[in-house]
Structures are given as structure tokens and as C-alpha cells.
Amino acid sequence: VILGLGVLSGMGVSMMETGNLLPADHKTLFSLAAFAA
């Protein structure tokens, strides 16, 4: 639950800083992989 909130908040930060909904970086990739696992 908290990791899901973290992914959503990360998307919000990315939108405000870069305009992209999902940042294409290693941290996001590992977080999504952990969420899936």
C-alpha cells in the first residue's frame, strides 16, 4: 500500500518537475519491479 503511494507521489513529482508522468530512471524501474514482486 505504501509503495503504491510512493509510486503515485513519484509520478506527481515527475509531472511538476519535468512534465513526464513516469520518470524513466533506475529508481522507478526497481520500485515498479518490487511492487510487482
PDB file of all heavy atoms in Angstrom:
ATOM      1  N   VAL A   1       0.834  -1.207   0.000  1.00  0.00           N
ATOM      2  CA  VAL A   1       0.000   0.000   0.000  1.00  0.00           C
ATOM      3  C   VAL A   1       0.868   1.256   0.000  1.00  0.00           C
ATOM      4  O   VAL A   1       0.662   2.183  -0.800  1.00  0.00           O
ATOM      5  CB  VAL A   1      -0.946   0.009   1.221  1.00  0.00           C
ATOM      6  CG1 VAL A   1      -1.661   1.355   1.344  1.00  0.00           C
ATOM      7  CG2 VAL A   1      -1.965  -1.116   1.116  1.00  0.00           C
ATOM      8  N   ILE A   2       1.868   1.273   0.887  1.00  0.00           N
ATOM      9  CA  ILE A   2       2.727   2.461   0.982  1.00  0.00           C
ATOM     10  C   ILE A   2       3.599   2.609  -0.266  1.00  0.00           C
ATOM     11  O   ILE A   2       3.826   3.723  -0.746  1.00  0.00           O
ATOM     12  CB  ILE A   2       3.599   2.390   2.250  1.00  0.00           C
ATOM     13  CG1 ILE A   2       2.713   2.374   3.491  1.00  0.00           C
ATOM     14  CG2 ILE A   2       4.558   3.573   2.316  1.00  0.00           C
ATOM     15  CD1 ILE A   2       3.462   2.260   4.786  1.00  0.00           C
ATOM     16  N   LEU A   3       4.077   1.476  -0.809  1.00  0.00           N
ATOM     17  CA  LEU A   3       4.875   1.533  -2.040  1.00  0.00           C
ATOM     18  C   LEU A   3       4.036   2.065  -3.193  1.00  0.00           C
ATOM     19  O   LEU A   3       4.520   2.846  -4.024  1.00  0.00           O
ATOM     20  CB  LEU A   3       5.415   0.144  -2.375  1.00  0.00           C
ATOM     21  CG  LEU A   3       6.297   0.030  -3.629  1.00  0.00           C
ATOM     22  CD1 LEU A   3       7.475   1.001  -3.565  1.00  0.00           C
ATOM     23  CD2 LEU A   3       6.795  -1.400  -3.801  1.00  0.00           C
ATOM     24  N   GLY A   4       2.755   1.669  -3.246  1.00  0.00           N
ATOM     25  CA  GLY A   4       1.863   2.205  -4.269  1.00  0.00           C
ATOM     26  C   GLY A   4       1.712   3.711  -4.147  1.00  0.00           C
ATOM     27  O   GLY A   4       1.743   4.438  -5.145  1.00  0.00           O
ATOM     28  N   LEU A   5       1.578   4.201  -2.902  1.00  0.00           N
ATOM     29  CA  LEU A   5       1.519   5.649  -2.670  1.00  0.00           C
ATOM     30  C   LEU A   5       2.820   6.323  -3.095  1.00  0.00           C
ATOM     31  O   LEU A   5       2.811   7.434  -3.636  1.00  0.00           O
ATOM     32  CB  LEU A   5       1.235   5.938  -1.194  1.00  0.00           C
ATOM     33  CG  LEU A   5      -0.157   5.593  -0.679  1.00  0.00           C
ATOM     34  CD1 LEU A   5      -0.232   5.818   0.824  1.00  0.00           C
ATOM     35  CD2 LEU A   5      -1.219   6.426  -1.393  1.00  0.00           C
ATOM     36  N   GLY A   6       3.931   5.618  -2.857  1.00  0.00           N
ATOM     37  CA  GLY A   6       5.232   6.163  -3.246  1.00  0.00           C
ATOM     38  C   GLY A   6       5.368   6.311  -4.750  1.00  0.00           C
ATOM     39  O   GLY A   6       5.893   7.308  -5.246  1.00  0.00           O
ATOM     40  N   VAL A   7       4.885   5.300  -5.481  1.00  0.00           N
ATOM     41  CA  VAL A   7       4.929   5.372  -6.953  1.00  0.00           C
ATOM     42  C   VAL A   7       4.059   6.518  -7.455  1.00  0.00           C
ATOM     43  O   VAL A   7       4.454   7.290  -8.334  1.00  0.00           O
ATOM     44  CB  VAL A   7       4.475   4.035  -7.566  1.00  0.00           C
ATOM     45  CG1 VAL A   7       4.335   4.167  -9.082  1.00  0.00           C
ATOM     46  CG2 VAL A   7       5.470   2.923  -7.237  1.00  0.00           C
ATOM     47  N   LEU A   8       2.861   6.657  -6.873  1.00  0.00           N
ATOM     48  CA  LEU A   8       1.955   7.729  -7.283  1.00  0.00           C
ATOM     49  C   LEU A   8       2.536   9.108  -6.944  1.00  0.00           C
ATOM     50  O   LEU A   8       2.451  10.041  -7.764  1.00  0.00           O
ATOM     51  CB  LEU A   8       0.596   7.556  -6.604  1.00  0.00           C
ATOM     52  CG  LEU A   8      -0.232   6.352  -7.044  1.00  0.00           C
ATOM     53  CD1 LEU A   8      -1.504   6.235  -6.218  1.00  0.00           C
ATOM     54  CD2 LEU A   8      -0.580   6.457  -8.536  1.00  0.00           C
ATOM     55  N   SER A   9       3.110   9.243  -5.758  1.00  0.00           N
ATOM     56  CA  SER A   9       3.708  10.532  -5.391  1.00  0.00           C
ATOM     57  C   SER A   9       4.917  10.844  -6.259  1.00  0.00           C
ATOM     58  O   SER A   9       5.159  11.998  -6.614  1.00  0.00           O
ATOM     59  CB  SER A   9       4.103  10.532  -3.910  1.00  0.00           C
ATOM     60  OG  SER A   9       5.097   9.554  -3.645  1.00  0.00           O
ATOM     61  N   GLY A  10       5.670   9.798  -6.629  1.00  0.00           N
ATOM     62  CA  GLY A  10       6.799   9.996  -7.537  1.00  0.00           C
ATOM     63  C   GLY A  10       6.346  10.470  -8.901  1.00  0.00           C
ATOM     64  O   GLY A  10       6.995  11.307  -9.535  1.00  0.00           O
ATOM     65  N   MET A  11       5.210   9.953  -9.358  1.00  0.00           N
ATOM     66  CA  MET A  11       4.648  10.406 -10.623  1.00  0.00           C
ATOM     67  C   MET A  11       4.227  11.869 -10.527  1.00  0.00           C
ATOM     68  O   MET A  11       4.407  12.641 -11.477  1.00  0.00           O
ATOM     69  CB  MET A  11       3.455   9.531 -10.993  1.00  0.00           C
ATOM     70  CG  MET A  11       3.822   8.092 -11.353  1.00  0.00           C
ATOM     71  SD  MET A  11       2.404   6.960 -11.423  1.00  0.00           S
ATOM     72  CE  MET A  11       1.487   7.666 -12.791  1.00  0.00           C
ATOM     73  N   GLY A  12       3.684  12.262  -9.362  1.00  0.00           N
ATOM     74  CA  GLY A  12       3.291  13.659  -9.173  1.00  0.00           C
ATOM     75  C   GLY A  12       4.482  14.591  -9.185  1.00  0.00           C
ATOM     76  O   GLY A  12       4.453  15.660  -9.821  1.00  0.00           O
ATOM     77  N   VAL A  13       5.559  14.190  -8.509  1.00  0.00           N
ATOM     78  CA  VAL A  13       6.785  14.995  -8.503  1.00  0.00           C
ATOM     79  C   VAL A  13       7.348  15.112  -9.913  1.00  0.00           C
ATOM     80  O   VAL A  13       7.776  16.192 -10.346  1.00  0.00           O
ATOM     81  CB  VAL A  13       7.833  14.368  -7.550  1.00  0.00           C
ATOM     82  CG1 VAL A  13       9.181  15.066  -7.705  1.00  0.00           C
ATOM     83  CG2 VAL A  13       7.367  14.470  -6.103  1.00  0.00           C
ATOM     84  N   SER A  14       7.359  13.987 -10.643  1.00  0.00           N
ATOM     85  CA  SER A  14       7.887  13.998 -12.005  1.00  0.00           C
ATOM     86  C   SER A  14       7.070  14.914 -12.915  1.00  0.00           C
ATOM     87  O   SER A  14       7.625  15.640 -13.745  1.00  0.00           O
ATOM     88  CB  SER A  14       7.898  12.574 -12.568  1.00  0.00           C
ATOM     89  OG  SER A  14       8.367  12.551 -13.897  1.00  0.00           O
ATOM     90  N   MET A  15       5.751  14.894 -12.749  1.00  0.00           N
ATOM     91  CA  MET A  15       4.897  15.756 -13.566  1.00  0.00           C
ATOM     92  C   MET A  15       5.192  17.227 -13.321  1.00  0.00           C
ATOM     93  O   MET A  15       5.262  18.033 -14.260  1.00  0.00           O
ATOM     94  CB  MET A  15       3.428  15.456 -13.258  1.00  0.00           C
ATOM     95  CG  MET A  15       2.852  14.279 -14.024  1.00  0.00           C
ATOM     96  SD  MET A  15       2.773  14.586 -15.817  1.00  0.00           S
ATOM     97  CE  MET A  15       1.538  15.890 -15.873  1.00  0.00           C
ATOM     98  N   MET A  16       5.383  17.611 -12.064  1.00  0.00           N
ATOM     99  CA  MET A  16       5.624  19.010 -11.733  1.00  0.00           C
ATOM    100  C   MET A  16       7.027  19.466 -12.116  1.00  0.00           C
ATOM    101  O   MET A  16       7.246  20.631 -12.426  1.00  0.00           O
ATOM    102  CB  MET A  16       5.387  19.240 -10.239  1.00  0.00           C
ATOM    103  CG  MET A  16       3.914  19.213  -9.847  1.00  0.00           C
ATOM    104  SD  MET A  16       3.643  19.713  -8.131  1.00  0.00           S
ATOM    105  CE  MET A  16       4.363  18.336  -7.256  1.00  0.00           C
ATOM    106  N   GLU A  17       7.987  18.545 -12.093  1.00  0.00           N
ATOM    107  CA  GLU A  17       9.371  18.937 -12.382  1.00  0.00           C
ATOM    108  C   GLU A  17       9.718  18.838 -13.860  1.00  0.00           C
ATOM    109  O   GLU A  17      10.421  19.684 -14.403  1.00  0.00           O
ATOM    110  CB  GLU A  17      10.337  18.078 -11.566  1.00  0.00           C
ATOM    111  CG  GLU A  17      10.367  18.409 -10.089  1.00  0.00           C
ATOM    112  CD  GLU A  17      11.521  17.720  -9.387  1.00  0.00           C
ATOM    113  OE1 GLU A  17      11.906  16.603  -9.815  1.00  0.00           O
ATOM    114  OE2 GLU A  17      12.051  18.286  -8.418  1.00  0.00           O
ATOM    115  N   THR A  18       9.242  17.764 -14.528  1.00  0.00           N
ATOM    116  CA  THR A  18       9.662  17.521 -15.916  1.00  0.00           C
ATOM    117  C   THR A  18       8.492  17.485 -16.896  1.00  0.00           C
ATOM    118  O   THR A  18       8.709  17.538 -18.104  1.00  0.00           O
ATOM    119  CB  THR A  18      10.431  16.186 -16.022  1.00  0.00           C
ATOM    120  OG1 THR A  18       9.546  15.108 -15.701  1.00  0.00           O
ATOM    121  CG2 THR A  18      11.606  16.169 -15.038  1.00  0.00           C
ATOM    122  N   GLY A  19       7.268  17.339 -16.387  1.00  0.00           N
ATOM    123  CA  GLY A  19       6.123  17.217 -17.279  1.00  0.00           C
ATOM    124  C   GLY A  19       5.859  15.804 -17.727  1.00  0.00           C
ATOM    125  O   GLY A  19       4.878  15.539 -18.434  1.00  0.00           O
ATOM    126  N   ASN A  20       6.711  14.852 -17.319  1.00  0.00           N
ATOM    127  CA  ASN A  20       6.520  13.441 -17.664  1.00  0.00           C
ATOM    128  C   ASN A  20       5.842  12.718 -16.508  1.00  0.00           C
ATOM    129  O   ASN A  20       6.211  12.903 -15.338  1.00  0.00           O
ATOM    130  CB  ASN A  20       7.865  12.769 -17.962  1.00  0.00           C
ATOM    131  CG  ASN A  20       8.548  13.385 -19.170  1.00  0.00           C
ATOM    132  OD1 ASN A  20       7.885  13.715 -20.150  1.00  0.00           O
ATOM    133  ND2 ASN A  20       9.862  13.543 -19.103  1.00  0.00           N
ATOM    134  N   LEU A  21       4.864  11.879 -16.819  1.00  0.00           N
ATOM    135  CA  LEU A  21       4.116  11.186 -15.780  1.00  0.00           C
ATOM    136  C   LEU A  21       4.962  10.133 -15.086  1.00  0.00           C
ATOM    137  O   LEU A  21       4.908   9.988 -13.858  1.00  0.00           O
ATOM    138  CB  LEU A  21       2.875  10.533 -16.386  1.00  0.00           C
ATOM    139  CG  LEU A  21       1.925   9.850 -15.389  1.00  0.00           C
ATOM    140  CD1 LEU A  21       1.376  10.868 -14.399  1.00  0.00           C
ATOM    141  CD2 LEU A  21       0.795   9.149 -16.126  1.00  0.00           C
ATOM    142  N   LEU A  22       5.768   9.407 -15.839  1.00  0.00           N
ATOM    143  CA  LEU A  22       6.564   8.326 -15.270  1.00  0.00           C
ATOM    144  C   LEU A  22       8.029   8.542 -15.637  1.00  0.00           C
ATOM    145  O   LEU A  22       8.404   8.390 -16.801  1.00  0.00           O
ATOM    146  CB  LEU A  22       6.088   6.973 -15.806  1.00  0.00           C
ATOM    147  CG  LEU A  22       6.463   5.735 -14.993  1.00  0.00           C
ATOM    148  CD1 LEU A  22       5.827   5.796 -13.614  1.00  0.00           C
ATOM    149  CD2 LEU A  22       6.012   4.472 -15.712  1.00  0.00           C
ATOM    150  N   PRO A  23       8.878   8.916 -14.666  1.00  0.00           N
ATOM    151  CA  PRO A  23      10.290   9.154 -14.975  1.00  0.00           C
ATOM    152  C   PRO A  23      10.988   7.867 -15.402  1.00  0.00           C
ATOM    153  O   PRO A  23      10.801   6.812 -14.790  1.00  0.00           O
ATOM    154  CB  PRO A  23      10.858   9.678 -13.649  1.00  0.00           C
ATOM    155  CG  PRO A  23       9.917   9.171 -12.596  1.00  0.00           C
ATOM    156  CD  PRO A  23       8.564   9.124 -13.250  1.00  0.00           C
ATOM    157  N   ALA A  24      11.769   7.954 -16.446  1.00  0.00           N
ATOM    158  CA  ALA A  24      12.486   6.781 -16.959  1.00  0.00           C
ATOM    159  C   ALA A  24      13.850   6.688 -16.292  1.00  0.00           C
ATOM    160  O   ALA A  24      14.889   7.005 -16.880  1.00  0.00           O
ATOM    161  CB  ALA A  24      12.633   6.876 -18.479  1.00  0.00           C
ATOM    162  N   ASP A  25      13.862   6.289 -15.008  1.00  0.00           N
ATOM    163  CA  ASP A  25      15.133   6.137 -14.301  1.00  0.00           C
ATOM    164  C   ASP A  25      15.169   4.788 -13.589  1.00  0.00           C
ATOM    165  O   ASP A  25      14.177   4.066 -13.507  1.00  0.00           O
ATOM    166  CB  ASP A  25      15.347   7.284 -13.306  1.00  0.00           C
ATOM    167  CG  ASP A  25      14.188   7.440 -12.334  1.00  0.00           C
ATOM    168  OD1 ASP A  25      13.504   6.444 -12.065  1.00  0.00           O
ATOM    169  OD2 ASP A  25      13.968   8.565 -11.847  1.00  0.00           O
ATOM    170  N   HIS A  26      16.362   4.469 -13.064  1.00  0.00           N
ATOM    171  CA  HIS A  26      16.555   3.168 -12.427  1.00  0.00           C
ATOM    172  C   HIS A  26      15.703   3.014 -11.171  1.00  0.00           C
ATOM    173  O   HIS A  26      15.168   1.938 -10.892  1.00  0.00           O
ATOM    174  CB  HIS A  26      18.036   2.968 -12.089  1.00  0.00           C
ATOM    175  CG  HIS A  26      18.922   2.901 -13.288  1.00  0.00           C
ATOM    176  ND1 HIS A  26      19.401   4.025 -13.927  1.00  0.00           N
ATOM    177  CD2 HIS A  26      19.397   1.840 -13.986  1.00  0.00           C
ATOM    178  CE1 HIS A  26      20.143   3.660 -14.961  1.00  0.00           C
ATOM    179  NE2 HIS A  26      20.157   2.346 -15.017  1.00  0.00           N
ATOM    180  N   LYS A  27      15.575   4.087 -10.406  1.00  0.00           N
ATOM    181  CA  LYS A  27      14.812   4.012  -9.158  1.00  0.00           C
ATOM    182  C   LYS A  27      13.355   3.639  -9.430  1.00  0.00           C
ATOM    183  O   LYS A  27      12.783   2.789  -8.738  1.00  0.00           O
ATOM    184  CB  LYS A  27      14.885   5.348  -8.422  1.00  0.00           C
ATOM    185  CG  LYS A  27      14.169   5.335  -7.087  1.00  0.00           C
ATOM    186  CD  LYS A  27      14.306   6.669  -6.374  1.00  0.00           C
ATOM    187  CE  LYS A  27      13.552   6.649  -5.052  1.00  0.00           C
ATOM    188  NZ  LYS A  27      13.655   7.931  -4.331  1.00  0.00           N
ATOM    189  N   THR A  28      12.761   4.274 -10.448  1.00  0.00           N
ATOM    190  CA  THR A  28      11.374   3.967 -10.799  1.00  0.00           C
ATOM    191  C   THR A  28      11.241   2.525 -11.269  1.00  0.00           C
ATOM    192  O   THR A  28      10.299   1.818 -10.889  1.00  0.00           O
ATOM    193  CB  THR A  28      10.888   4.914 -11.912  1.00  0.00           C
ATOM    194  OG1 THR A  28      11.007   6.259 -11.461  1.00  0.00           O
ATOM    195  CG2 THR A  28       9.446   4.623 -12.273  1.00  0.00           C
ATOM    196  N   LEU A  29      12.195   2.070 -12.077  1.00  0.00           N
ATOM    197  CA  LEU A  29      12.168   0.698 -12.590  1.00  0.00           C
ATOM    198  C   LEU A  29      12.222  -0.319 -11.455  1.00  0.00           C
ATOM    199  O   LEU A  29      11.423  -1.268 -11.403  1.00  0.00           O
ATOM    200  CB  LEU A  29      13.342   0.476 -13.547  1.00  0.00           C
ATOM    201  CG  LEU A  29      13.503  -0.943 -14.108  1.00  0.00           C
ATOM    202  CD1 LEU A  29      12.287  -1.328 -14.932  1.00  0.00           C
ATOM    203  CD2 LEU A  29      14.777  -1.041 -14.947  1.00  0.00           C
ATOM    204  N   PHE A  30      13.163  -0.124 -10.517  1.00  0.00           N
ATOM    205  CA  PHE A  30      13.296  -1.057  -9.402  1.00  0.00           C
ATOM    206  C   PHE A  30      12.069  -1.006  -8.487  1.00  0.00           C
ATOM    207  O   PHE A  30      11.648  -2.031  -7.958  1.00  0.00           O
ATOM    208  CB  PHE A  30      14.568  -0.748  -8.597  1.00  0.00           C
ATOM    209  CG  PHE A  30      15.843  -1.126  -9.305  1.00  0.00           C
ATOM    210  CD1 PHE A  30      16.883  -0.220  -9.428  1.00  0.00           C
ATOM    211  CD2 PHE A  30      16.002  -2.389  -9.839  1.00  0.00           C
ATOM    212  CE1 PHE A  30      18.059  -0.561 -10.072  1.00  0.00           C
ATOM    213  CE2 PHE A  30      17.171  -2.747 -10.497  1.00  0.00           C
ATOM    214  CZ  PHE A  30      18.199  -1.832 -10.610  1.00  0.00           C
ATOM    215  N   SER A  31      11.502   0.182  -8.286  1.00  0.00           N
ATOM    216  CA  SER A  31      10.314   0.323  -7.438  1.00  0.00           C
ATOM    217  C   SER A  31       9.122  -0.413  -8.044  1.00  0.00           C
ATOM    218  O   SER A  31       8.383  -1.115  -7.348  1.00  0.00           O
ATOM    219  CB  SER A  31       9.971   1.803  -7.230  1.00  0.00           C
ATOM    220  OG  SER A  31      11.003   2.475  -6.542  1.00  0.00           O
ATOM    221  N   LEU A  32       8.931  -0.249  -9.360  1.00  0.00           N
ATOM    222  CA  LEU A  32       7.831  -0.943 -10.033  1.00  0.00           C
ATOM    223  C   LEU A  32       8.036  -2.455 -10.021  1.00  0.00           C
ATOM    224  O   LEU A  32       7.077  -3.221  -9.849  1.00  0.00           O
ATOM    225  CB  LEU A  32       7.704  -0.442 -11.475  1.00  0.00           C
ATOM    226  CG  LEU A  32       7.210   0.998 -11.651  1.00  0.00           C
ATOM    227  CD1 LEU A  32       7.273   1.396 -13.120  1.00  0.00           C
ATOM    228  CD2 LEU A  32       5.786   1.149 -11.116  1.00  0.00           C
ATOM    229  N   ALA A  33       9.295  -2.879 -10.184  1.00  0.00           N
ATOM    230  CA  ALA A  33       9.592  -4.312 -10.150  1.00  0.00           C
ATOM    231  C   ALA A  33       9.324  -4.880  -8.750  1.00  0.00           C
ATOM    232  O   ALA A  33       8.778  -5.982  -8.609  1.00  0.00           O
ATOM    233  CB  ALA A  33      11.045  -4.550 -10.550  1.00  0.00           C
ATOM    234  N   ALA A  34       9.696  -4.125  -7.708  1.00  0.00           N
ATOM    235  CA  ALA A  34       9.435  -4.566  -6.339  1.00  0.00           C
ATOM    236  C   ALA A  34       7.935  -4.617  -6.066  1.00  0.00           C
ATOM    237  O   ALA A  34       7.436  -5.554  -5.420  1.00  0.00           O
ATOM    238  CB  ALA A  34      10.113  -3.616  -5.346  1.00  0.00           C
ATOM    239  N   PHE A  35       7.199  -3.611  -6.554  1.00  0.00           N
ATOM    240  CA  PHE A  35       5.742  -3.591  -6.400  1.00  0.00           C
ATOM    241  C   PHE A  35       5.123  -4.827  -7.038  1.00  0.00           C
ATOM    242  O   PHE A  35       4.238  -5.472  -6.462  1.00  0.00           O
ATOM    243  CB  PHE A  35       5.166  -2.317  -7.028  1.00  0.00           C
ATOM    244  CG  PHE A  35       3.691  -2.136  -6.833  1.00  0.00           C
ATOM    245  CD1 PHE A  35       3.202  -1.515  -5.692  1.00  0.00           C
ATOM    246  CD2 PHE A  35       2.784  -2.597  -7.781  1.00  0.00           C
ATOM    247  CE1 PHE A  35       1.836  -1.357  -5.505  1.00  0.00           C
ATOM    248  CE2 PHE A  35       1.425  -2.440  -7.598  1.00  0.00           C
ATOM    249  CZ  PHE A  35       0.946  -1.819  -6.456  1.00  0.00           C
ATOM    250  N   ALA A  36       5.601  -5.173  -8.230  1.00  0.00           N
ATOM    251  CA  ALA A  36       5.086  -6.349  -8.938  1.00  0.00           C
ATOM    252  C   ALA A  36       5.436  -7.638  -8.193  1.00  0.00           C
ATOM    253  O   ALA A  36       4.605  -8.546  -8.075  1.00  0.00           O
ATOM    254  CB  ALA A  36       5.650  -6.388 -10.354  1.00  0.00           C
ATOM    255  N   ALA A  37       6.671  -7.714  -7.671  1.00  0.00           N
ATOM    256  CA  ALA A  37       7.103  -8.922  -6.957  1.00  0.00           C
ATOM    257  C   ALA A  37       6.272  -9.143  -5.696  1.00  0.00           C
ATOM    258  O   ALA A  37       5.849 -10.266  -5.396  1.00  0.00           O
ATOM    259  CB  ALA A  37       8.584  -8.808  -6.600  1.00  0.00           C
TER     260      ALA A  37
END
